[in-house]
Amino acid sequence: MTADGTAQEPLTGSGSGSGSGSGSGRPVRGGWVGALSLANLGVWVGWFGPLQLLLARQAELLAPDHKASALALVTGTGAAVSMVANPVFGALSDRTTARTGRRIPWVFGGVAGGAGGLLVLARASSIAGVTAGWCLVQLALNAAFAALTAAVPDQVPARQRGLVGGWLGVSQVAGILLGTALATAAGTVAAGYAACAAFAVPAALPYVLMRRDTRLDPADRPAFRLRAFLAGFGIDPRRHPDFGWAWLTRFLMNLSYSVSTMYLLYYLTDAVHYRGDADKGVLVLTALNACTLLATVVVGGIRSDRTGRRKSYVVGSGLVISTATLLLAVWQTWTGAIVASLVLGIGFGVYTSVDFALLTDVLPTAEDHGRDLGVINIANALPQVLAPVIAAPVVARLGGYTALYLLAALLALAGSVLVRRIRSVA
């Protein structure tokens, strides 16, 4: 028992193959889900305040003649750091033997480090400084995010994962909305970064202080061998085909989303010719998207849990996402952007909760949840690296925003089709 009387979970489970991440078997309670979601909210605020507005504005201030390429450099480099950091910190948390548990030290340390990186960004006066600060934010917040996501297969039984995935989806959407709101309301770029940092650390404290975590006995920790540690990240899709297909479908969906949202501010100013404050326009679209996403994210997860079906919900949500990006391609007006944002929220609401539950059902091993989900999270980070490489030339030379959003629609459609190749999940 912990100091507050909450039972601390021992490390259990040694199965391999699909669905090995079976959790403790006991239902999780609302207080723990709420604390986990609040900590996740803080991470997303730390990410999306910068990604939605602050980095774009900073690039525009520091390199006005090359704002798109400067933003691509900053976000692409940060995403490359994220792509490495998430699986590495996830694997390190798998091996952590702290008395507080395997995940909690990385949650607190990661959020504190992320707040420090945001303060570095607030003082940056060059694109090089912005890049360094954003890399620090990505490095630290990915440590926290890897530990938070690994806590779900550690402790949540399969029959509740759609529900928990839904609430994590709520915190993700709320983080995007709140991060955008803080960045907008702060007034200046530096104040926006400070506001996001000030929110992130307190948001993690309830989860940390609850001290409900899985523990690894030092005697059970395998000896560290660098070659074996690195080899563990190379999960063979031939041995674990469902894991491979799940990774690919998430990659395609996230690439579609990254391509769609990376230049949203510039889309409003350059394609829609929005007459008002473009920052507030992004906030309005984000809020509308959040409304429909919040209306579907928990409901979608609960219905998936009750029916025991995952793939049909992912397929349907992918088709809705494709429809939304097609609207952005062909209806480049403020009204069109509003309608597309509402439709996109419906699609991503269902996708966010159900796909996360599906992923936890196909993890290869029970002992390495942090590592395996870290490998999955490469499918979140790699699109951020590739999106600017793809989007910048498409916008500049290959058809502009119409071509960009048609590409996003095709990517989402491909992801929704390929999820049907997963065999072990209904």
Protein backbone atom coordinates (compact mmCIF):
# COMPACT_ATOMS: atom_id res chain seq x y z
CA MET A 1 0.00 0.00 0.00
CA THR A 2 1.12 3.56 -0.62
CA ALA A 3 1.05 6.40 1.90
CA ASP A 4 -2.44 7.42 0.78
CA GLY A 5 -3.80 3.91 1.06
CA THR A 6 -3.86 3.21 -2.68
CA ALA A 7 -2.68 -0.23 -3.71
CA GLN A 8 0.41 -0.21 -5.87
CA GLU A 9 0.28 -2.77 -8.65
CA PRO A 10 3.00 -5.43 -8.90
CA LEU A 11 4.45 -6.10 -12.31
CA THR A 12 2.43 -8.95 -13.78
CA GLY A 13 1.99 -10.69 -17.05
CA SER A 14 4.51 -12.56 -19.15
CA GLY A 15 2.60 -13.54 -22.22
CA SER A 16 3.63 -12.80 -25.77
CA GLY A 17 1.77 -12.38 -28.97
CA SER A 18 -1.28 -10.38 -29.80
CA GLY A 19 -3.27 -9.07 -26.95
CA SER A 20 -0.64 -9.72 -24.30
CA GLY A 21 -1.18 -6.33 -22.75
CA SER A 22 -3.99 -7.55 -20.52
CA GLY A 23 -3.64 -5.08 -17.64
CA SER A 24 -4.15 -6.04 -14.00
CA GLY A 25 -7.59 -7.53 -14.66
CA ARG A 26 -9.20 -5.25 -12.03
CA PRO A 27 -11.38 -2.37 -13.25
CA VAL A 28 -9.79 1.04 -12.89
CA ARG A 29 -11.67 3.75 -11.03
CA GLY A 30 -12.69 7.21 -12.12
CA GLY A 31 -10.20 9.03 -9.90
CA TRP A 32 -7.22 7.32 -11.49
CA VAL A 33 -8.59 7.80 -15.01
CA GLY A 34 -9.18 11.47 -14.23
CA ALA A 35 -5.66 12.00 -12.89
CA LEU A 36 -4.14 10.17 -15.85
CA SER A 37 -6.20 12.28 -18.25
CA LEU A 38 -5.27 15.54 -16.50
CA ALA A 39 -1.56 14.72 -16.73
CA ASN A 40 -2.06 13.86 -20.40
CA LEU A 41 -3.86 17.20 -20.83
CA GLY A 42 -0.78 19.01 -19.53
CA VAL A 43 1.45 17.24 -22.04
CA TRP A 44 -0.84 18.15 -24.95
CA VAL A 45 -1.02 21.78 -23.84
CA GLY A 46 2.78 21.83 -23.86
CA TRP A 47 2.81 20.45 -27.38
CA PHE A 48 -0.06 22.17 -29.10
CA GLY A 49 0.16 25.71 -27.77
CA PRO A 50 3.41 25.90 -29.74
CA LEU A 51 2.31 23.75 -32.68
CA GLN A 52 -1.01 25.47 -33.32
CA LEU A 53 0.20 29.07 -33.10
CA LEU A 54 3.37 29.99 -31.23
CA LEU A 55 5.97 28.31 -33.45
CA ALA A 56 4.31 29.65 -36.60
CA ARG A 57 4.21 33.17 -35.18
CA GLN A 58 7.80 32.93 -33.99
CA ALA A 59 8.95 31.71 -37.41
CA GLU A 60 7.06 34.60 -39.01
CA LEU A 61 8.73 37.12 -36.67
CA LEU A 62 12.25 35.76 -36.99
CA ALA A 63 12.22 34.76 -40.70
CA PRO A 64 9.35 36.62 -42.39
CA ASP A 65 10.57 35.91 -45.91
CA HIS A 66 11.00 32.18 -45.28
CA LYS A 67 8.37 31.46 -42.64
CA ALA A 68 7.14 28.16 -44.13
CA SER A 69 10.62 26.64 -44.50
CA ALA A 70 11.66 27.94 -41.06
CA LEU A 71 8.59 26.37 -39.46
CA ALA A 72 9.27 23.15 -41.34
CA LEU A 73 12.84 23.08 -40.02
CA VAL A 74 11.77 23.62 -36.41
CA THR A 75 8.87 21.17 -36.37
CA GLY A 76 10.65 18.56 -38.47
CA THR A 77 13.74 18.56 -36.25
CA GLY A 78 11.61 18.39 -33.12
CA ALA A 79 9.60 15.51 -34.52
CA ALA A 80 12.83 13.63 -35.30
CA VAL A 81 13.80 13.99 -31.64
CA SER A 82 10.33 12.80 -30.62
CA MET A 83 10.60 9.78 -32.88
CA VAL A 84 13.69 8.59 -31.01
CA ALA A 85 12.82 9.83 -27.53
CA ASN A 86 9.44 8.17 -27.14
CA PRO A 87 10.46 4.52 -27.61
CA VAL A 88 13.75 5.01 -25.73
CA PHE A 89 12.10 6.57 -22.68
CA GLY A 90 9.33 4.00 -22.88
CA ALA A 91 11.88 1.19 -22.77
CA LEU A 92 13.77 2.88 -19.93
CA SER A 93 10.55 3.15 -17.94
CA ASP A 94 10.00 -0.60 -18.49
CA ARG A 95 13.31 -1.15 -16.66
CA THR A 96 12.82 1.44 -13.87
CA THR A 97 12.85 0.05 -10.31
CA ALA A 98 11.95 3.19 -8.33
CA ARG A 99 9.84 2.72 -5.19
CA THR A 100 7.16 4.99 -6.66
CA GLY A 101 6.84 2.70 -9.67
CA ARG A 102 8.12 2.36 -13.21
CA ARG A 103 6.20 5.21 -14.87
CA ILE A 104 5.70 7.99 -12.31
CA PRO A 105 9.32 9.25 -12.18
CA TRP A 106 9.30 9.73 -15.95
CA VAL A 107 5.95 11.49 -15.88
CA PHE A 108 7.06 14.11 -13.37
CA GLY A 109 10.59 14.55 -14.70
CA GLY A 110 9.35 14.76 -18.28
CA VAL A 111 6.71 17.39 -17.58
CA ALA A 112 9.14 19.49 -15.54
CA GLY A 113 11.73 19.29 -18.32
CA GLY A 114 9.11 20.16 -20.92
CA ALA A 115 8.15 23.28 -18.97
CA GLY A 116 11.82 24.26 -18.91
CA GLY A 117 12.01 23.83 -22.68
CA LEU A 118 8.97 26.07 -23.15
CA LEU A 119 10.71 28.79 -21.14
CA VAL A 120 13.77 28.41 -23.38
CA LEU A 121 11.50 28.97 -26.38
CA ALA A 122 10.08 32.10 -24.74
CA ARG A 123 13.57 33.66 -24.77
CA ALA A 124 14.71 32.38 -28.18
CA SER A 125 15.83 35.11 -30.57
CA SER A 126 16.85 33.05 -33.61
CA ILE A 127 15.56 30.07 -35.58
CA ALA A 128 18.46 28.04 -34.19
CA GLY A 129 17.35 28.93 -30.65
CA VAL A 130 13.76 28.05 -31.43
CA THR A 131 14.87 24.71 -32.86
CA ALA A 132 16.95 23.91 -29.77
CA GLY A 133 14.12 24.86 -27.42
CA TRP A 134 11.54 22.84 -29.31
CA CYS A 135 13.85 19.81 -29.35
CA LEU A 136 14.13 20.07 -25.55
CA VAL A 137 10.34 20.26 -25.24
CA GLN A 138 9.93 17.20 -27.47
CA LEU A 139 12.62 15.25 -25.61
CA ALA A 140 11.14 15.85 -22.17
CA LEU A 141 7.41 15.68 -22.92
CA ASN A 142 7.91 12.42 -24.81
CA ALA A 143 9.38 10.90 -21.66
CA ALA A 144 6.18 11.81 -19.84
CA PHE A 145 3.90 10.76 -22.68
CA ALA A 146 5.61 7.37 -23.08
CA ALA A 147 5.10 6.63 -19.40
CA LEU A 148 1.47 7.80 -19.37
CA THR A 149 0.45 5.69 -22.35
CA ALA A 150 2.27 2.62 -21.01
CA ALA A 151 0.23 2.89 -17.81
CA VAL A 152 -2.91 1.93 -19.76
CA PRO A 153 -1.93 -1.62 -20.81
CA ASP A 154 -0.16 -1.96 -17.44
CA GLN A 155 -3.28 -1.35 -15.40
CA VAL A 156 -6.44 -1.20 -17.53
CA PRO A 157 -8.24 -4.43 -18.44
CA ALA A 158 -9.08 -4.87 -22.11
CA ARG A 159 -12.82 -4.39 -21.52
CA GLN A 160 -12.20 -0.80 -20.32
CA ARG A 161 -9.62 0.37 -22.82
CA GLY A 162 -12.05 1.98 -25.22
CA LEU A 163 -13.45 3.99 -22.31
CA VAL A 164 -10.00 5.04 -21.05
CA GLY A 165 -8.87 5.73 -24.61
CA GLY A 166 -11.91 7.95 -24.98
CA TRP A 167 -11.01 10.01 -21.90
CA LEU A 168 -7.41 10.27 -23.08
CA GLY A 169 -8.87 11.50 -26.35
CA VAL A 170 -10.84 14.10 -24.43
CA SER A 171 -7.66 15.30 -22.73
CA GLN A 172 -5.87 15.40 -26.08
CA VAL A 173 -8.58 17.54 -27.66
CA ALA A 174 -8.90 19.72 -24.59
CA GLY A 175 -5.11 20.13 -24.61
CA ILE A 176 -5.13 21.29 -28.23
CA LEU A 177 -7.97 23.70 -27.50
CA LEU A 178 -6.57 24.97 -24.21
CA GLY A 179 -3.05 25.27 -25.60
CA THR A 180 -4.40 27.33 -28.51
CA ALA A 181 -6.49 29.45 -26.14
CA LEU A 182 -3.55 30.12 -23.82
CA ALA A 183 -1.33 31.02 -26.76
CA THR A 184 -3.98 33.40 -28.10
CA ALA A 185 -4.99 35.00 -24.80
CA ALA A 186 -1.42 35.55 -23.59
CA GLY A 187 -0.92 38.31 -26.13
CA THR A 188 2.74 37.74 -26.95
CA VAL A 189 4.71 34.71 -28.08
CA ALA A 190 6.86 34.69 -24.93
CA ALA A 191 3.84 34.97 -22.64
CA GLY A 192 2.13 32.15 -24.55
CA TYR A 193 5.02 29.78 -23.89
CA ALA A 194 5.09 30.77 -20.22
CA ALA A 195 1.35 30.14 -19.88
CA CYS A 196 1.64 26.65 -21.35
CA ALA A 197 4.55 25.85 -19.02
CA ALA A 198 2.64 27.14 -16.00
CA PHE A 199 -0.25 24.80 -16.77
CA ALA A 200 1.69 21.62 -17.58
CA VAL A 201 3.44 20.98 -14.27
CA PRO A 202 0.45 21.33 -11.88
CA ALA A 203 -1.63 19.18 -14.23
CA ALA A 204 0.71 16.22 -13.63
CA LEU A 205 0.75 16.48 -9.83
CA PRO A 206 -2.50 14.59 -9.01
CA TYR A 207 -1.34 11.58 -11.01
CA VAL A 208 2.12 11.67 -9.45
CA LEU A 209 0.80 12.08 -5.90
CA MET A 210 -1.73 9.26 -6.34
CA ARG A 211 1.27 6.86 -6.56
CA ARG A 212 -0.70 4.11 -8.32
CA ASP A 213 1.85 2.44 -10.55
CA THR A 214 3.36 -0.91 -11.45
CA ARG A 215 6.64 -1.74 -9.78
CA LEU A 216 9.59 -3.77 -10.98
CA ASP A 217 11.67 -5.55 -8.36
CA PRO A 218 15.39 -4.80 -8.88
CA ALA A 219 16.06 -8.54 -8.83
CA ASP A 220 13.76 -8.98 -11.84
CA ARG A 221 15.36 -6.31 -13.99
CA PRO A 222 17.47 -7.90 -16.73
CA ALA A 223 21.10 -6.88 -17.06
CA PHE A 224 21.55 -3.93 -19.41
CA ARG A 225 23.27 -4.80 -22.66
CA LEU A 226 23.27 -2.02 -25.23
CA ARG A 227 23.06 -4.32 -28.25
CA ALA A 228 20.09 -6.24 -26.84
CA PHE A 229 18.44 -3.00 -25.72
CA LEU A 230 18.66 -1.50 -29.21
CA ALA A 231 17.67 -4.77 -30.90
CA GLY A 232 14.45 -4.80 -28.85
CA PHE A 233 13.08 -1.88 -30.88
CA GLY A 234 13.21 -3.91 -34.08
CA ILE A 235 9.85 -5.67 -33.76
CA ASP A 236 9.55 -8.00 -36.74
CA PRO A 237 6.20 -7.47 -38.52
CA ARG A 238 6.46 -11.01 -39.92
CA ARG A 239 6.32 -12.41 -36.38
CA HIS A 240 3.79 -9.84 -35.20
CA PRO A 241 1.82 -8.94 -38.35
CA ASP A 242 -1.11 -7.35 -36.52
CA PHE A 243 1.27 -5.03 -34.69
CA GLY A 244 2.81 -4.12 -38.06
CA TRP A 245 -0.53 -3.33 -39.69
CA ALA A 246 -1.63 -1.34 -36.64
CA TRP A 247 1.57 0.70 -36.85
CA LEU A 248 1.11 1.37 -40.56
CA THR A 249 -2.53 2.43 -40.28
CA ARG A 250 -1.73 4.83 -37.42
CA PHE A 251 1.17 6.25 -39.42
CA LEU A 252 -1.07 6.97 -42.42
CA MET A 253 -3.80 8.53 -40.29
CA ASN A 254 -1.34 10.73 -38.45
CA LEU A 255 0.39 11.75 -41.65
CA SER A 256 -2.99 12.83 -43.00
CA TYR A 257 -3.65 14.83 -39.83
CA SER A 258 -0.18 16.43 -39.79
CA VAL A 259 -0.42 17.41 -43.46
CA SER A 260 -3.87 18.89 -42.78
CA THR A 261 -3.05 20.95 -39.70
CA MET A 262 0.57 22.05 -40.06
CA TYR A 263 -0.22 25.02 -42.29
CA LEU A 264 -3.71 25.80 -41.01
CA LEU A 265 -2.73 29.34 -40.04
CA TYR A 266 -1.26 29.96 -43.48
CA TYR A 267 -4.26 28.23 -45.13
CA LEU A 268 -6.56 30.80 -43.54
CA THR A 269 -4.42 33.76 -44.58
CA ASP A 270 -3.28 32.60 -48.04
CA ALA A 271 -6.13 30.40 -49.37
CA VAL A 272 -9.27 31.39 -47.47
CA HIS A 273 -8.14 35.05 -47.23
CA TYR A 274 -9.66 35.29 -43.79
CA ARG A 275 -10.35 38.95 -43.06
CA GLY A 276 -10.15 38.84 -39.28
CA ASP A 277 -7.37 37.94 -36.88
CA ALA A 278 -6.03 34.64 -38.25
CA ASP A 279 -4.90 33.53 -34.77
CA LYS A 280 -8.48 33.81 -33.55
CA GLY A 281 -9.67 32.07 -36.71
CA VAL A 282 -7.48 29.06 -35.85
CA LEU A 283 -8.85 29.13 -32.31
CA VAL A 284 -12.45 29.15 -33.60
CA LEU A 285 -11.80 26.20 -35.93
CA THR A 286 -10.01 24.31 -33.16
CA ALA A 287 -12.93 24.92 -30.80
CA LEU A 288 -15.50 23.71 -33.33
CA ASN A 289 -13.40 20.65 -34.07
CA ALA A 290 -13.17 20.01 -30.34
CA CYS A 291 -16.93 20.22 -29.86
CA THR A 292 -17.73 17.42 -32.30
CA LEU A 293 -14.70 15.39 -31.26
CA LEU A 294 -15.68 15.56 -27.60
CA ALA A 295 -19.20 14.54 -28.55
CA THR A 296 -17.96 11.31 -30.12
CA VAL A 297 -14.67 10.33 -28.48
CA VAL A 298 -15.95 8.78 -25.24
CA VAL A 299 -19.15 7.43 -26.82
CA GLY A 300 -17.13 5.75 -29.57
CA GLY A 301 -14.82 4.11 -27.04
CA ILE A 302 -17.68 2.87 -24.86
CA ARG A 303 -19.61 1.43 -27.80
CA SER A 304 -16.47 -0.31 -29.02
CA ASP A 305 -15.96 -1.86 -25.56
CA ARG A 306 -19.57 -3.04 -25.41
CA THR A 307 -19.63 -4.56 -28.89
CA GLY A 308 -16.09 -5.93 -28.71
CA ARG A 309 -15.44 -4.51 -32.18
CA ARG A 310 -12.62 -2.13 -33.09
CA LYS A 311 -11.89 -2.30 -36.83
CA SER A 312 -15.28 -1.24 -38.15
CA TYR A 313 -15.14 1.93 -36.03
CA VAL A 314 -11.63 2.75 -37.29
CA VAL A 315 -12.68 2.19 -40.92
CA GLY A 316 -15.74 4.39 -40.56
CA SER A 317 -13.84 7.17 -38.83
CA GLY A 318 -11.19 7.13 -41.56
CA LEU A 319 -13.84 7.66 -44.22
CA VAL A 320 -15.23 10.62 -42.27
CA ILE A 321 -11.73 12.11 -41.94
CA SER A 322 -11.23 11.75 -45.69
CA THR A 323 -14.50 13.59 -46.30
CA ALA A 324 -13.40 16.48 -44.08
CA THR A 325 -10.04 16.93 -45.83
CA LEU A 326 -11.77 16.80 -49.21
CA LEU A 327 -13.96 19.69 -48.07
CA LEU A 328 -10.84 21.70 -47.22
CA ALA A 329 -9.49 20.95 -50.70
CA VAL A 330 -12.53 22.02 -52.72
CA TRP A 331 -14.38 24.52 -50.50
CA GLN A 332 -11.77 27.11 -49.58
CA THR A 333 -13.97 29.61 -47.77
CA TRP A 334 -14.49 30.42 -44.10
CA THR A 335 -17.80 28.53 -44.18
CA GLY A 336 -16.12 25.55 -45.79
CA ALA A 337 -13.40 25.57 -43.13
CA ILE A 338 -16.05 25.59 -40.39
CA VAL A 339 -17.96 22.65 -41.88
CA ALA A 340 -14.74 20.69 -42.46
CA SER A 341 -13.63 21.29 -38.86
CA LEU A 342 -16.92 19.94 -37.51
CA VAL A 343 -16.77 16.84 -39.73
CA LEU A 344 -13.09 16.26 -38.91
CA GLY A 345 -13.92 16.29 -35.20
CA ILE A 346 -16.52 13.57 -35.63
CA GLY A 347 -14.04 11.33 -37.45
CA PHE A 348 -11.12 11.89 -35.11
CA GLY A 349 -13.30 11.52 -32.03
CA VAL A 350 -14.14 7.92 -32.83
CA TYR A 351 -10.70 7.17 -34.26
CA THR A 352 -8.78 8.50 -31.25
CA SER A 353 -10.45 6.30 -28.66
CA VAL A 354 -10.98 3.11 -30.64
CA ASP A 355 -7.61 3.00 -32.38
CA PHE A 356 -5.79 3.39 -29.05
CA ALA A 357 -7.75 0.47 -27.62
CA LEU A 358 -6.98 -1.55 -30.75
CA LEU A 359 -3.25 -0.83 -30.41
CA THR A 360 -3.12 -1.99 -26.80
CA ASP A 361 -4.78 -5.23 -27.89
CA VAL A 362 -1.96 -6.12 -30.32
CA LEU A 363 1.16 -5.35 -28.24
CA PRO A 364 3.74 -8.11 -28.69
CA THR A 365 4.82 -8.61 -25.03
CA ALA A 366 3.47 -7.89 -21.56
CA GLU A 367 6.86 -6.97 -20.09
CA ASP A 368 7.66 -4.17 -22.54
CA HIS A 369 4.56 -1.99 -22.80
CA GLY A 370 6.59 1.21 -22.70
CA ARG A 371 8.94 0.09 -25.45
CA ASP A 372 6.21 -1.32 -27.69
CA LEU A 373 3.95 1.71 -27.36
CA GLY A 374 7.02 3.84 -27.96
CA VAL A 375 7.52 2.05 -31.27
CA ILE A 376 3.85 2.69 -32.02
CA ASN A 377 4.36 6.35 -31.16
CA ILE A 378 6.97 6.59 -33.89
CA ALA A 379 3.89 6.46 -36.10
CA ASN A 380 2.81 9.69 -34.37
CA ALA A 381 6.20 11.43 -34.60
CA LEU A 382 7.44 10.34 -38.03
CA PRO A 383 4.54 12.07 -39.82
CA GLN A 384 5.61 15.33 -38.17
CA VAL A 385 9.04 14.86 -39.75
CA LEU A 386 7.64 13.96 -43.15
CA ALA A 387 4.71 16.38 -43.23
CA PRO A 388 6.78 19.53 -43.77
CA VAL A 389 8.96 17.75 -46.32
CA ILE A 390 5.81 16.75 -48.20
CA ALA A 391 3.63 19.80 -47.57
CA ALA A 392 6.06 22.61 -48.36
CA PRO A 393 6.74 21.62 -52.00
CA VAL A 394 3.09 20.66 -52.56
CA VAL A 395 1.92 24.09 -51.41
CA ALA A 396 4.68 25.96 -53.22
CA ARG A 397 4.91 24.10 -56.54
CA LEU A 398 2.55 21.13 -56.91
CA GLY A 399 -0.97 22.48 -56.71
CA GLY A 400 -1.18 24.54 -53.54
CA TYR A 401 -3.66 23.86 -50.76
CA THR A 402 -6.08 22.00 -53.02
CA ALA A 403 -3.44 19.37 -53.77
CA LEU A 404 -2.34 19.29 -50.12
CA TYR A 405 -5.77 18.42 -48.78
CA LEU A 406 -6.49 15.94 -51.57
CA LEU A 407 -3.31 14.16 -50.51
CA ALA A 408 -4.49 14.20 -46.89
CA ALA A 409 -7.78 12.60 -47.95
CA LEU A 410 -5.99 9.80 -49.82
CA LEU A 411 -3.74 9.07 -46.83
CA ALA A 412 -6.69 8.76 -44.44
CA LEU A 413 -8.53 6.55 -46.93
CA ALA A 414 -5.50 4.24 -47.22
CA GLY A 415 -5.28 3.96 -43.43
CA SER A 416 -8.94 3.05 -43.08
CA VAL A 417 -8.62 0.33 -45.74
CA LEU A 418 -5.44 -1.27 -44.38
CA VAL A 419 -6.76 -1.61 -40.81
CA ARG A 420 -8.87 -4.50 -42.15
CA ARG A 421 -5.65 -6.54 -42.48
CA ILE A 422 -5.48 -6.90 -38.69
CA ARG A 423 -6.70 -10.40 -37.87
CA SER A 424 -6.63 -10.83 -34.07
CA VAL A 425 -9.00 -7.96 -33.31
CA ALA A 426 -12.64 -7.87 -34.36
